Protein backbone atom coordinates (compact mmCIF):
# COMPACT_ATOMS: atom_id res chain seq x y z
CA UNK A 1 -8.46 7.31 -15.09
CA UNK A 2 -10.87 5.06 -13.35
CA UNK A 3 -10.46 2.05 -11.35
CA UNK A 4 -12.93 -0.32 -9.88
CA UNK A 5 -11.22 -2.17 -6.92
CA UNK A 6 -12.87 -5.54 -5.52
CA UNK A 7 -11.39 -7.03 -2.41
CA UNK A 8 -11.22 -10.51 -3.38
CA UNK A 9 -10.63 -14.01 -1.88
CA UNK A 10 -9.59 -15.23 -5.11
CA UNK A 11 -9.67 -13.92 -8.63
CA UNK A 12 -8.38 -15.32 -12.05
CA UNK A 13 -8.49 -14.19 -15.69
CA UNK A 14 -8.76 -16.63 -18.61
CA UNK A 15 -7.94 -15.88 -22.03
CA UNK A 16 -8.11 -18.48 -24.97
CA UNK A 17 -9.19 -21.27 -22.36
CA UNK A 18 -6.07 -20.72 -20.39
CA UNK A 19 -5.67 -18.77 -16.93
CA UNK A 20 -3.32 -16.06 -17.71
CA UNK A 21 -3.36 -14.80 -14.06
CA UNK A 22 -4.62 -15.34 -10.62
CA UNK A 23 -4.46 -14.53 -7.10
CA UNK A 24 -5.96 -15.43 -3.97
CA UNK A 25 -6.71 -12.90 -0.97
CA UNK A 26 -6.04 -9.26 -2.44
CA UNK A 27 -7.59 -7.03 -5.15
CA UNK A 28 -9.24 -7.18 -8.50
CA UNK A 29 -8.60 -3.90 -10.15
CA UNK A 30 -10.29 -3.09 -13.53
CA UNK A 31 -8.65 -0.06 -14.96
CA UNK A 32 -9.52 2.53 -17.78
CA UNK A 33 -7.62 5.46 -19.10
CA UNK A 34 -8.70 8.59 -20.91
CA UNK A 35 -6.71 10.48 -23.52
CA UNK A 36 -5.61 13.15 -20.94
CA UNK A 37 -3.88 10.48 -18.40
CA UNK A 38 -0.30 10.67 -17.82
CA UNK A 39 2.18 8.75 -15.54
CA UNK A 40 1.15 11.05 -12.78
CA UNK A 41 -2.32 9.74 -12.56
CA UNK A 42 -0.82 6.42 -12.70
CA UNK A 43 1.31 7.01 -9.56
CA UNK A 44 -1.43 8.43 -7.79
CA UNK A 45 -3.68 5.51 -8.41
CA UNK A 46 -0.67 3.00 -7.76
CA UNK A 47 0.04 4.71 -4.25
CA UNK A 48 -3.72 4.56 -3.35
CA UNK A 49 -4.09 0.99 -4.16
CA UNK A 50 -1.17 -0.11 -2.12
CA UNK A 51 -2.19 1.80 0.80
CA UNK A 52 -5.94 1.55 0.61
CA UNK A 53 -6.88 0.22 3.83
CA UNK A 54 -9.94 -2.10 3.01
CA UNK A 55 -8.60 -5.39 4.76
CA UNK A 56 -9.82 -6.43 8.24
CA UNK A 57 -7.39 -6.32 11.25
CA UNK A 58 -7.54 -8.70 14.21
CA UNK A 59 -10.89 -6.70 15.40
CA UNK A 60 -12.66 -7.09 12.17
CA UNK A 61 -12.35 -3.26 11.26
CA UNK A 62 -11.05 -2.38 7.92
CA UNK A 63 -7.40 -0.99 9.05
CA UNK A 64 -5.32 -3.03 6.69
CA UNK A 65 -3.72 -2.38 3.35
CA UNK A 66 -3.04 -4.74 0.51
CA UNK A 67 0.68 -4.47 1.36
CA UNK A 68 0.00 -4.94 5.01
CA UNK A 69 -1.57 -8.33 4.36
CA UNK A 70 0.78 -9.27 1.56
CA UNK A 71 -1.86 -9.87 -0.95
CA UNK A 72 -1.93 -10.60 -4.70
CA UNK A 73 -3.13 -7.68 -7.13
CA UNK A 74 -4.89 -8.96 -10.51
CA UNK A 75 -4.84 -5.91 -12.93
CA UNK A 76 -7.54 -6.07 -15.98
CA UNK A 77 -7.81 -3.44 -18.70
CA UNK A 78 -11.35 -2.27 -19.21
CA UNK A 79 -12.12 0.29 -21.19
CA UNK A 80 -15.83 -0.06 -20.67
CA UNK A 81 -15.59 1.76 -17.15
CA UNK A 82 -15.53 4.98 -19.59
CA UNK A 83 -18.97 3.89 -21.13
CA UNK A 84 -21.49 6.63 -20.98
CA UNK A 85 -25.02 5.12 -21.15
CA UNK A 86 -26.74 8.99 -20.23
CA UNK A 87 -28.42 9.04 -24.00
CA UNK A 88 -29.79 6.08 -25.56
CA UNK A 89 -29.28 2.59 -24.45
CA UNK A 90 -25.99 2.07 -26.36
CA UNK A 91 -22.99 3.18 -24.27
CA UNK A 92 -20.38 6.12 -25.95
CA UNK A 93 -16.77 4.91 -25.07
CA UNK A 94 -15.56 8.27 -26.71
CA UNK A 95 -13.98 9.21 -23.12
CA UNK A 96 -11.67 6.17 -23.43
CA UNK A 97 -8.26 6.54 -24.37
CA UNK A 98 -7.09 5.17 -27.61
CA UNK A 99 -4.66 2.12 -27.43
CA UNK A 100 -1.67 4.16 -28.29
CA UNK A 101 -2.20 6.18 -24.99
CA UNK A 102 -3.83 3.51 -23.14
CA UNK A 103 -1.30 0.50 -23.39
CA UNK A 104 1.92 2.41 -22.37
CA UNK A 105 0.18 3.69 -19.38
CA UNK A 106 -1.28 -0.08 -18.54
CA UNK A 107 2.25 -1.56 -19.00
CA UNK A 108 3.40 1.31 -16.70
CA UNK A 109 1.01 0.75 -13.89
CA UNK A 110 1.94 -2.88 -14.07
CA UNK A 111 5.73 -2.00 -13.79
CA UNK A 112 4.85 0.54 -10.87
CA UNK A 113 2.96 -1.98 -9.06
CA UNK A 114 5.57 -4.81 -9.34
CA UNK A 115 8.02 -2.75 -7.39
CA UNK A 116 5.73 -3.30 -4.36
CA UNK A 117 7.10 -7.14 -4.47
CA UNK A 118 3.53 -8.27 -4.03
CA UNK A 119 2.25 -10.70 -6.51
CA UNK A 120 1.19 -8.89 -9.34
CA UNK A 121 -0.99 -10.66 -12.16
CA UNK A 122 -2.75 -9.30 -15.07
CA UNK A 123 -4.76 -9.58 -17.97
CA UNK A 124 -3.64 -8.71 -21.91
CA UNK A 125 -4.65 -5.37 -23.04
CA UNK A 126 -7.24 -5.72 -25.91
CA UNK A 127 -7.98 -9.24 -25.25
CA UNK A 128 -11.36 -11.31 -24.86
CA UNK A 129 -10.95 -12.22 -21.20
CA UNK A 130 -13.35 -14.14 -18.51
CA UNK A 131 -12.60 -12.72 -15.47
CA UNK A 132 -13.65 -14.78 -12.56
CA UNK A 133 -13.65 -13.63 -8.99
CA UNK A 134 -14.96 -14.21 -4.98
CA UNK A 135 -15.75 -10.99 -3.93
CA UNK A 136 -14.82 -10.38 -0.33
CA UNK A 137 -17.70 -8.77 1.72
CA UNK A 138 -18.67 -7.49 -0.87
CA UNK A 139 -16.02 -4.50 -0.98
CA UNK A 140 -15.88 -2.54 -4.19
CA UNK A 141 -14.35 0.79 -4.40
CA UNK A 142 -14.14 3.12 -7.16
CA UNK A 143 -11.13 5.50 -7.79
CA UNK A 144 -10.67 8.28 -10.17
CA UNK A 145 -7.83 10.52 -10.85
């Protein structure tokens, strides 16, 4: 499981010319699963996301988590994170989980995050999406489990 986490001032996802989800001040999370991922990896990533201290405190130091600031999280499925372009110019996505594995894990991830009582928004698995964001910092962290 891999996630790309971006601290954002605002972000939204548009599907079929309609905003499907949007947040202000929070995290944009692009997530990809591999075939061997289980709920254990999802639990670890969710706990890490909720506790990751990448928001500034009163002294300007990154000491606060998304939970501390009561921010929002926009979660977008993105299998291309597993793209391997070491050989040739066309990425190979064979390490990405098939939908029958990834969809239940994606839904489980959303369910876990929603238990945090933060604003949790998402895209639609497999949909063609336009993701818009204003990266804050920029702060971008890659997590892998």
